[in-house]
Amino acid sequence: MNSLKLEDTAVYYCARGTLGATSDPGQYTDWGKGT
């Protein structure tokens, strides 16, 4: 992440989805706890 902006502030999660997973969080079944 470069040139960070105030609006980038958030908890960031990594997740695993199906090969064709979209932007819908429901397409992802495995999640980290966030950072």
ModelCIF file with pLDDT and N, C-alpha, C, O atoms, coordinates in Angstrom:
data_MODEL
#
_entry.id   MODEL 
#
_entity.id                         1 
_entity.type                       polymer 
_entity.pdbx_number_of_molecules   1 
#
_entity_poly.entity_id                      1 
_entity_poly.type                           'polypeptide(L)' 
_entity_poly.nstd_linkage                   no 
_entity_poly.nstd_monomer                   no 
_entity_poly.pdbx_seq_one_letter_code       MNSLKLEDTAVYYCARGTLGATSDPGQYTDWGKGT 
_entity_poly.pdbx_seq_one_letter_code_can   MNSLKLEDTAVYYCARGTLGATSDPGQYTDWGKGT 
_entity_poly.pdbx_strand_id                 A 
#
loop_
_entity_poly_seq.entity_id 
_entity_poly_seq.num 
_entity_poly_seq.mon_id 
_entity_poly_seq.hetero 
1 1  MET n 
1 2  ASN n 
1 3  SER n 
1 4  LEU n 
1 5  LYS n 
1 6  LEU n 
1 7  GLU n 
1 8  ASP n 
1 9  THR n 
1 10 ALA n 
1 11 VAL n 
1 12 TYR n 
1 13 TYR n 
1 14 CYS n 
1 15 ALA n 
1 16 ARG n 
1 17 GLY n 
1 18 THR n 
1 19 LEU n 
1 20 GLY n 
1 21 ALA n 
1 22 THR n 
1 23 SER n 
1 24 ASP n 
1 25 PRO n 
1 26 GLY n 
1 27 GLN n 
1 28 TYR n 
1 29 THR n 
1 30 ASP n 
1 31 TRP n 
1 32 GLY n 
1 33 LYS n 
1 34 GLY n 
1 35 THR n 
#
_struct_asym.id          A 
_struct_asym.entity_id   1 
#
loop_
_ma_qa_metric.id 
_ma_qa_metric.mode 
_ma_qa_metric.name 
_ma_qa_metric.software_group_id 
_ma_qa_metric.type 
1 global pLDDT . pLDDT 
2 local  pLDDT . pLDDT 
#
_ma_qa_metric_global.metric_id      1 
_ma_qa_metric_global.metric_value   95.00 
_ma_qa_metric_global.model_id       1 
_ma_qa_metric_global.ordinal_id     1 
#
loop_
_ma_qa_metric_local.label_asym_id 
_ma_qa_metric_local.label_comp_id 
_ma_qa_metric_local.label_seq_id 
_ma_qa_metric_local.metric_id 
_ma_qa_metric_local.metric_value 
_ma_qa_metric_local.model_id 
_ma_qa_metric_local.ordinal_id 
A MET 1  2 98.00 1 1  
A ASN 2  2 98.00 1 2  
A SER 3  2 98.00 1 3  
A LEU 4  2 98.00 1 4  
A LYS 5  2 98.00 1 5  
A LEU 6  2 97.00 1 6  
A GLU 7  2 97.00 1 7  
A ASP 8  2 98.00 1 8  
A THR 9  2 98.00 1 9  
A ALA 10 2 98.00 1 10 
A VAL 11 2 98.00 1 11 
A TYR 12 2 98.00 1 12 
A TYR 13 2 98.00 1 13 
A CYS 14 2 96.00 1 14 
A ALA 15 2 96.00 1 15 
A ARG 16 2 93.00 1 16 
A GLY 17 2 92.00 1 17 
A THR 18 2 88.00 1 18 
A LEU 19 2 86.00 1 19 
A GLY 20 2 87.00 1 20 
A ALA 21 2 90.00 1 21 
A THR 22 2 90.00 1 22 
A SER 23 2 93.00 1 23 
A ASP 24 2 95.00 1 24 
A PRO 25 2 95.00 1 25 
A GLY 26 2 94.00 1 26 
A GLN 27 2 94.00 1 27 
A TYR 28 2 95.00 1 28 
A THR 29 2 91.00 1 29 
A ASP 30 2 93.00 1 30 
A TRP 31 2 96.00 1 31 
A GLY 32 2 97.00 1 32 
A LYS 33 2 97.00 1 33 
A GLY 34 2 97.00 1 34 
A THR 35 2 98.00 1 35 
#
loop_
_atom_site.group_PDB 
_atom_site.id 
_atom_site.type_symbol 
_atom_site.label_atom_id 
_atom_site.label_alt_id 
_atom_site.label_comp_id 
_atom_site.label_asym_id 
_atom_site.label_entity_id 
_atom_site.label_seq_id 
_atom_site.pdbx_PDB_ins_code 
_atom_site.Cartn_x 
_atom_site.Cartn_y 
_atom_site.Cartn_z 
_atom_site.occupancy 
_atom_site.B_iso_or_equiv 
_atom_site.pdbx_formal_charge 
_atom_site.auth_seq_id 
_atom_site.auth_comp_id 
_atom_site.auth_asym_id 
_atom_site.auth_atom_id 
_atom_site.pdbx_PDB_model_num 
ATOM 1   N N  . MET A 1 1  ? 0.843   -1.177  0.000  1.00 98.00 ? 1  MET A N  1 
ATOM 2   C CA . MET A 1 1  ? 0.000   0.000   0.000  1.00 98.00 ? 1  MET A CA 1 
ATOM 3   C C  . MET A 1 1  ? 0.886   1.236   0.000  1.00 98.00 ? 1  MET A C  1 
ATOM 4   O O  . MET A 1 1  ? 1.625   1.488   0.952  1.00 98.00 ? 1  MET A O  1 
ATOM 5   N N  . ASN A 1 2  ? 0.803   1.989   -1.061 1.00 98.00 ? 2  ASN A N  1 
ATOM 6   C CA . ASN A 1 2  ? 1.565   3.215   -1.206 1.00 98.00 ? 2  ASN A CA 1 
ATOM 7   C C  . ASN A 1 2  ? 0.626   4.405   -1.285 1.00 98.00 ? 2  ASN A C  1 
ATOM 8   O O  . ASN A 1 2  ? -0.571  4.261   -1.537 1.00 98.00 ? 2  ASN A O  1 
ATOM 9   N N  . SER A 1 3  ? 1.186   5.568   -1.067 1.00 98.00 ? 3  SER A N  1 
ATOM 10  C CA . SER A 1 3  ? 0.419   6.810   -1.148 1.00 98.00 ? 3  SER A CA 1 
ATOM 11  C C  . SER A 1 3  ? -0.868  6.718   -0.338 1.00 98.00 ? 3  SER A C  1 
ATOM 12  O O  . SER A 1 3  ? -1.950  7.047   -0.826 1.00 98.00 ? 3  SER A O  1 
ATOM 13  N N  . LEU A 1 4  ? -0.738  6.276   0.878  1.00 98.00 ? 4  LEU A N  1 
ATOM 14  C CA . LEU A 1 4  ? -1.909  6.030   1.709  1.00 98.00 ? 4  LEU A CA 1 
ATOM 15  C C  . LEU A 1 4  ? -2.659  7.316   2.008  1.00 98.00 ? 4  LEU A C  1 
ATOM 16  O O  . LEU A 1 4  ? -2.072  8.380   2.203  1.00 98.00 ? 4  LEU A O  1 
ATOM 17  N N  . LYS A 1 5  ? -3.963  7.178   2.038  1.00 98.00 ? 5  LYS A N  1 
ATOM 18  C CA . LYS A 1 5  ? -4.864  8.285   2.301  1.00 98.00 ? 5  LYS A CA 1 
ATOM 19  C C  . LYS A 1 5  ? -5.645  8.024   3.581  1.00 98.00 ? 5  LYS A C  1 
ATOM 20  O O  . LYS A 1 5  ? -5.741  6.889   4.047  1.00 98.00 ? 5  LYS A O  1 
ATOM 21  N N  . LEU A 1 6  ? -6.195  9.081   4.134  1.00 97.00 ? 6  LEU A N  1 
ATOM 22  C CA . LEU A 1 6  ? -6.984  8.948   5.353  1.00 97.00 ? 6  LEU A CA 1 
ATOM 23  C C  . LEU A 1 6  ? -8.110  7.938   5.166  1.00 97.00 ? 6  LEU A C  1 
ATOM 24  O O  . LEU A 1 6  ? -8.414  7.173   6.082  1.00 97.00 ? 6  LEU A O  1 
ATOM 25  N N  . GLU A 1 7  ? -8.720  7.928   4.010  1.00 97.00 ? 7  GLU A N  1 
ATOM 26  C CA . GLU A 1 7  ? -9.839  7.042   3.767  1.00 97.00 ? 7  GLU A CA 1 
ATOM 27  C C  . GLU A 1 7  ? -9.446  5.581   3.638  1.00 97.00 ? 7  GLU A C  1 
ATOM 28  O O  . GLU A 1 7  ? -10.317 4.716   3.536  1.00 97.00 ? 7  GLU A O  1 
ATOM 29  N N  . ASP A 1 8  ? -8.160  5.291   3.639  1.00 98.00 ? 8  ASP A N  1 
ATOM 30  C CA . ASP A 1 8  ? -7.705  3.907   3.656  1.00 98.00 ? 8  ASP A CA 1 
ATOM 31  C C  . ASP A 1 8  ? -7.747  3.299   5.052  1.00 98.00 ? 8  ASP A C  1 
ATOM 32  O O  . ASP A 1 8  ? -7.542  2.095   5.210  1.00 98.00 ? 8  ASP A O  1 
ATOM 33  N N  . THR A 1 9  ? -8.006  4.104   6.044  1.00 98.00 ? 9  THR A N  1 
ATOM 34  C CA . THR A 1 9  ? -8.064  3.614   7.414  1.00 98.00 ? 9  THR A CA 1 
ATOM 35  C C  . THR A 1 9  ? -9.175  2.581   7.565  1.00 98.00 ? 9  THR A C  1 
ATOM 36  O O  . THR A 1 9  ? -10.334 2.853   7.251  1.00 98.00 ? 9  THR A O  1 
ATOM 37  N N  . ALA A 1 10 ? -8.818  1.413   8.040  1.00 98.00 ? 10 ALA A N  1 
ATOM 38  C CA . ALA A 1 10 ? -9.770  0.319   8.181  1.00 98.00 ? 10 ALA A CA 1 
ATOM 39  C C  . ALA A 1 10 ? -9.056  -0.869  8.791  1.00 98.00 ? 10 ALA A C  1 
ATOM 40  O O  . ALA A 1 10 ? -7.832  -0.887  8.922  1.00 98.00 ? 10 ALA A O  1 
ATOM 41  N N  . VAL A 1 11 ? -9.844  -1.855  9.159  1.00 98.00 ? 11 VAL A N  1 
ATOM 42  C CA . VAL A 1 11 ? -9.295  -3.163  9.459  1.00 98.00 ? 11 VAL A CA 1 
ATOM 43  C C  . VAL A 1 11 ? -9.212  -3.929  8.148  1.00 98.00 ? 11 VAL A C  1 
ATOM 44  O O  . VAL A 1 11 ? -10.193 -4.027  7.410  1.00 98.00 ? 11 VAL A O  1 
ATOM 45  N N  . TYR A 1 12 ? -8.058  -4.459  7.871  1.00 98.00 ? 12 TYR A N  1 
ATOM 46  C CA . TYR A 1 12 ? -7.829  -5.192  6.637  1.00 98.00 ? 12 TYR A CA 1 
ATOM 47  C C  . TYR A 1 12 ? -7.807  -6.684  6.920  1.00 98.00 ? 12 TYR A C  1 
ATOM 48  O O  . TYR A 1 12 ? -7.156  -7.148  7.856  1.00 98.00 ? 12 TYR A O  1 
ATOM 49  N N  . TYR A 1 13 ? -8.527  -7.419  6.097  1.00 98.00 ? 13 TYR A N  1 
ATOM 50  C CA . TYR A 1 13 ? -8.654  -8.856  6.245  1.00 98.00 ? 13 TYR A CA 1 
ATOM 51  C C  . TYR A 1 13 ? -8.183  -9.560  4.988  1.00 98.00 ? 13 TYR A C  1 
ATOM 52  O O  . TYR A 1 13 ? -8.459  -9.104  3.878  1.00 98.00 ? 13 TYR A O  1 
ATOM 53  N N  . CYS A 1 14 ? -7.487  -10.649 5.151  1.00 96.00 ? 14 CYS A N  1 
ATOM 54  C CA . CYS A 1 14 ? -7.263  -11.519 4.016  1.00 96.00 ? 14 CYS A CA 1 
ATOM 55  C C  . CYS A 1 14 ? -8.298  -12.631 4.047  1.00 96.00 ? 14 CYS A C  1 
ATOM 56  O O  . CYS A 1 14 ? -8.771  -13.028 5.112  1.00 96.00 ? 14 CYS A O  1 
ATOM 57  N N  . ALA A 1 15 ? -8.637  -13.120 2.881  1.00 96.00 ? 15 ALA A N  1 
ATOM 58  C CA . ALA A 1 15 ? -9.685  -14.106 2.774  1.00 96.00 ? 15 ALA A CA 1 
ATOM 59  C C  . ALA A 1 15 ? -9.448  -14.995 1.570  1.00 96.00 ? 15 ALA A C  1 
ATOM 60  O O  . ALA A 1 15 ? -8.819  -14.588 0.593  1.00 96.00 ? 15 ALA A O  1 
ATOM 61  N N  . ARG A 1 16 ? -9.953  -16.196 1.651  1.00 93.00 ? 16 ARG A N  1 
ATOM 62  C CA . ARG A 1 16 ? -9.887  -17.137 0.550  1.00 93.00 ? 16 ARG A CA 1 
ATOM 63  C C  . ARG A 1 16 ? -11.269 -17.419 0.028  1.00 93.00 ? 16 ARG A C  1 
ATOM 64  O O  . ARG A 1 16 ? -12.196 -17.679 0.796  1.00 93.00 ? 16 ARG A O  1 
ATOM 65  N N  . GLY A 1 17 ? -11.405 -17.370 -1.268 1.00 92.00 ? 17 GLY A N  1 
ATOM 66  C CA . GLY A 1 17 ? -12.657 -17.674 -1.917 1.00 92.00 ? 17 GLY A CA 1 
ATOM 67  C C  . GLY A 1 17 ? -12.482 -18.694 -3.011 1.00 92.00 ? 17 GLY A C  1 
ATOM 68  O O  . GLY A 1 17 ? -11.393 -19.231 -3.212 1.00 92.00 ? 17 GLY A O  1 
ATOM 69  N N  . THR A 1 18 ? -13.553 -18.957 -3.711 1.00 88.00 ? 18 THR A N  1 
ATOM 70  C CA . THR A 1 18 ? -13.468 -19.843 -4.854 1.00 88.00 ? 18 THR A CA 1 
ATOM 71  C C  . THR A 1 18 ? -12.673 -19.176 -5.965 1.00 88.00 ? 18 THR A C  1 
ATOM 72  O O  . THR A 1 18 ? -12.388 -17.979 -5.912 1.00 88.00 ? 18 THR A O  1 
ATOM 73  N N  . LEU A 1 19 ? -12.324 -19.953 -6.958 1.00 86.00 ? 19 LEU A N  1 
ATOM 74  C CA . LEU A 1 19 ? -11.522 -19.417 -8.044 1.00 86.00 ? 19 LEU A CA 1 
ATOM 75  C C  . LEU A 1 19 ? -12.208 -18.245 -8.727 1.00 86.00 ? 19 LEU A C  1 
ATOM 76  O O  . LEU A 1 19 ? -11.549 -17.296 -9.152 1.00 86.00 ? 19 LEU A O  1 
ATOM 77  N N  . GLY A 1 20 ? -13.511 -18.309 -8.830 1.00 87.00 ? 20 GLY A N  1 
ATOM 78  C CA . GLY A 1 20 ? -14.260 -17.247 -9.470 1.00 87.00 ? 20 GLY A CA 1 
ATOM 79  C C  . GLY A 1 20 ? -14.910 -16.273 -8.513 1.00 87.00 ? 20 GLY A C  1 
ATOM 80  O O  . GLY A 1 20 ? -15.862 -15.585 -8.883 1.00 87.00 ? 20 GLY A O  1 
ATOM 81  N N  . ALA A 1 21 ? -14.419 -16.202 -7.298 1.00 90.00 ? 21 ALA A N  1 
ATOM 82  C CA . ALA A 1 21 ? -15.020 -15.339 -6.292 1.00 90.00 ? 21 ALA A CA 1 
ATOM 83  C C  . ALA A 1 21 ? -15.035 -13.893 -6.738 1.00 90.00 ? 21 ALA A C  1 
ATOM 84  O O  . ALA A 1 21 ? -14.093 -13.412 -7.368 1.00 90.00 ? 21 ALA A O  1 
ATOM 85  N N  . THR A 1 22 ? -16.105 -13.213 -6.409 1.00 90.00 ? 22 THR A N  1 
ATOM 86  C CA . THR A 1 22 ? -16.304 -11.823 -6.791 1.00 90.00 ? 22 THR A CA 1 
ATOM 87  C C  . THR A 1 22 ? -15.940 -10.911 -5.628 1.00 90.00 ? 22 THR A C  1 
ATOM 88  O O  . THR A 1 22 ? -15.222 -11.313 -4.712 1.00 90.00 ? 22 THR A O  1 
ATOM 89  N N  . SER A 1 23 ? -16.435 -9.692  -5.671 1.00 93.00 ? 23 SER A N  1 
ATOM 90  C CA . SER A 1 23 ? -16.219 -8.746  -4.592 1.00 93.00 ? 23 SER A CA 1 
ATOM 91  C C  . SER A 1 23 ? -17.157 -8.968  -3.416 1.00 93.00 ? 23 SER A C  1 
ATOM 92  O O  . SER A 1 23 ? -17.045 -8.291  -2.394 1.00 93.00 ? 23 SER A O  1 
ATOM 93  N N  . ASP A 1 24 ? -18.063 -9.895  -3.550 1.00 95.00 ? 24 ASP A N  1 
ATOM 94  C CA . ASP A 1 24 ? -19.008 -10.201 -2.481 1.00 95.00 ? 24 ASP A CA 1 
ATOM 95  C C  . ASP A 1 24 ? -18.301 -10.967 -1.374 1.00 95.00 ? 24 ASP A C  1 
ATOM 96  O O  . ASP A 1 24 ? -17.770 -12.049 -1.626 1.00 95.00 ? 24 ASP A O  1 
ATOM 97  N N  . PRO A 1 25 ? -18.278 -10.440 -0.156 1.00 95.00 ? 25 PRO A N  1 
ATOM 98  C CA . PRO A 1 25 ? -17.642 -11.182 0.936  1.00 95.00 ? 25 PRO A CA 1 
ATOM 99  C C  . PRO A 1 25 ? -18.212 -12.570 1.140  1.00 95.00 ? 25 PRO A C  1 
ATOM 100 O O  . PRO A 1 25 ? -17.525 -13.459 1.645  1.00 95.00 ? 25 PRO A O  1 
ATOM 101 N N  . GLY A 1 26 ? -19.461 -12.764 0.752  1.00 94.00 ? 26 GLY A N  1 
ATOM 102 C CA . GLY A 1 26 ? -20.069 -14.069 0.890  1.00 94.00 ? 26 GLY A CA 1 
ATOM 103 C C  . GLY A 1 26 ? -19.457 -15.151 0.029  1.00 94.00 ? 26 GLY A C  1 
ATOM 104 O O  . GLY A 1 26 ? -19.708 -16.335 0.250  1.00 94.00 ? 26 GLY A O  1 
ATOM 105 N N  . GLN A 1 27 ? -18.657 -14.762 -0.950 1.00 94.00 ? 27 GLN A N  1 
ATOM 106 C CA . GLN A 1 27 ? -17.973 -15.721 -1.797 1.00 94.00 ? 27 GLN A CA 1 
ATOM 107 C C  . GLN A 1 27 ? -16.676 -16.228 -1.168 1.00 94.00 ? 27 GLN A C  1 
ATOM 108 O O  . GLN A 1 27 ? -15.991 -17.071 -1.746 1.00 94.00 ? 27 GLN A O  1 
ATOM 109 N N  . TYR A 1 28 ? -16.349 -15.725 -0.015 1.00 95.00 ? 28 TYR A N  1 
ATOM 110 C CA . TYR A 1 28 ? -15.113 -16.086 0.665  1.00 95.00 ? 28 TYR A CA 1 
ATOM 111 C C  . TYR A 1 28 ? -15.446 -16.814 1.956  1.00 95.00 ? 28 TYR A C  1 
ATOM 112 O O  . TYR A 1 28 ? -16.263 -16.347 2.749  1.00 95.00 ? 28 TYR A O  1 
ATOM 113 N N  . THR A 1 29 ? -14.823 -17.934 2.159  1.00 91.00 ? 29 THR A N  1 
ATOM 114 C CA . THR A 1 29 ? -15.183 -18.807 3.267  1.00 91.00 ? 29 THR A CA 1 
ATOM 115 C C  . THR A 1 29 ? -14.157 -18.852 4.388  1.00 91.00 ? 29 THR A C  1 
ATOM 116 O O  . THR A 1 29 ? -14.485 -19.265 5.500  1.00 91.00 ? 29 THR A O  1 
ATOM 117 N N  . ASP A 1 30 ? -12.934 -18.441 4.125  1.00 93.00 ? 30 ASP A N  1 
ATOM 118 C CA . ASP A 1 30 ? -11.879 -18.460 5.130  1.00 93.00 ? 30 ASP A CA 1 
ATOM 119 C C  . ASP A 1 30 ? -11.335 -17.058 5.313  1.00 93.00 ? 30 ASP A C  1 
ATOM 120 O O  . ASP A 1 30 ? -11.010 -16.372 4.344  1.00 93.00 ? 30 ASP A O  1 
ATOM 121 N N  . TRP A 1 31 ? -11.239 -16.641 6.557  1.00 96.00 ? 31 TRP A N  1 
ATOM 122 C CA . TRP A 1 31 ? -10.875 -15.271 6.870  1.00 96.00 ? 31 TRP A CA 1 
ATOM 123 C C  . TRP A 1 31 ? -9.820  -15.211 7.953  1.00 96.00 ? 31 TRP A C  1 
ATOM 124 O O  . TRP A 1 31 ? -9.819  -16.014 8.886  1.00 96.00 ? 31 TRP A O  1 
ATOM 125 N N  . GLY A 1 32 ? -8.928  -14.258 7.819  1.00 97.00 ? 32 GLY A N  1 
ATOM 126 C CA . GLY A 1 32 ? -8.046  -13.933 8.914  1.00 97.00 ? 32 GLY A CA 1 
ATOM 127 C C  . GLY A 1 32 ? -8.752  -13.065 9.930  1.00 97.00 ? 32 GLY A C  1 
ATOM 128 O O  . GLY A 1 32 ? -9.894  -12.652 9.729  1.00 97.00 ? 32 GLY A O  1 
ATOM 129 N N  . LYS A 1 33 ? -8.069  -12.797 11.012 1.00 97.00 ? 33 LYS A N  1 
ATOM 130 C CA . LYS A 1 33 ? -8.667  -12.010 12.081 1.00 97.00 ? 33 LYS A CA 1 
ATOM 131 C C  . LYS A 1 33 ? -8.608  -10.513 11.832 1.00 97.00 ? 33 LYS A C  1 
ATOM 132 O O  . LYS A 1 33 ? -9.300  -9.752  12.507 1.00 97.00 ? 33 LYS A O  1 
ATOM 133 N N  . GLY A 1 34 ? -7.812  -10.081 10.895 1.00 97.00 ? 34 GLY A N  1 
ATOM 134 C CA . GLY A 1 34 ? -7.718  -8.684  10.541 1.00 97.00 ? 34 GLY A CA 1 
ATOM 135 C C  . GLY A 1 34 ? -6.530  -7.991  11.160 1.00 97.00 ? 34 GLY A C  1 
ATOM 136 O O  . GLY A 1 34 ? -6.027  -8.397  12.207 1.00 97.00 ? 34 GLY A O  1 
ATOM 137 N N  . THR A 1 35 ? -6.091  -6.943  10.502 1.00 98.00 ? 35 THR A N  1 
ATOM 138 C CA . THR A 1 35 ? -5.025  -6.101  11.008 1.00 98.00 ? 35 THR A CA 1 
ATOM 139 C C  . THR A 1 35 ? -5.401  -4.644  10.764 1.00 98.00 ? 35 THR A C  1 
ATOM 140 O O  . THR A 1 35 ? -4.639  -3.743  11.115 1.00 98.00 ? 35 THR A O  1 
#
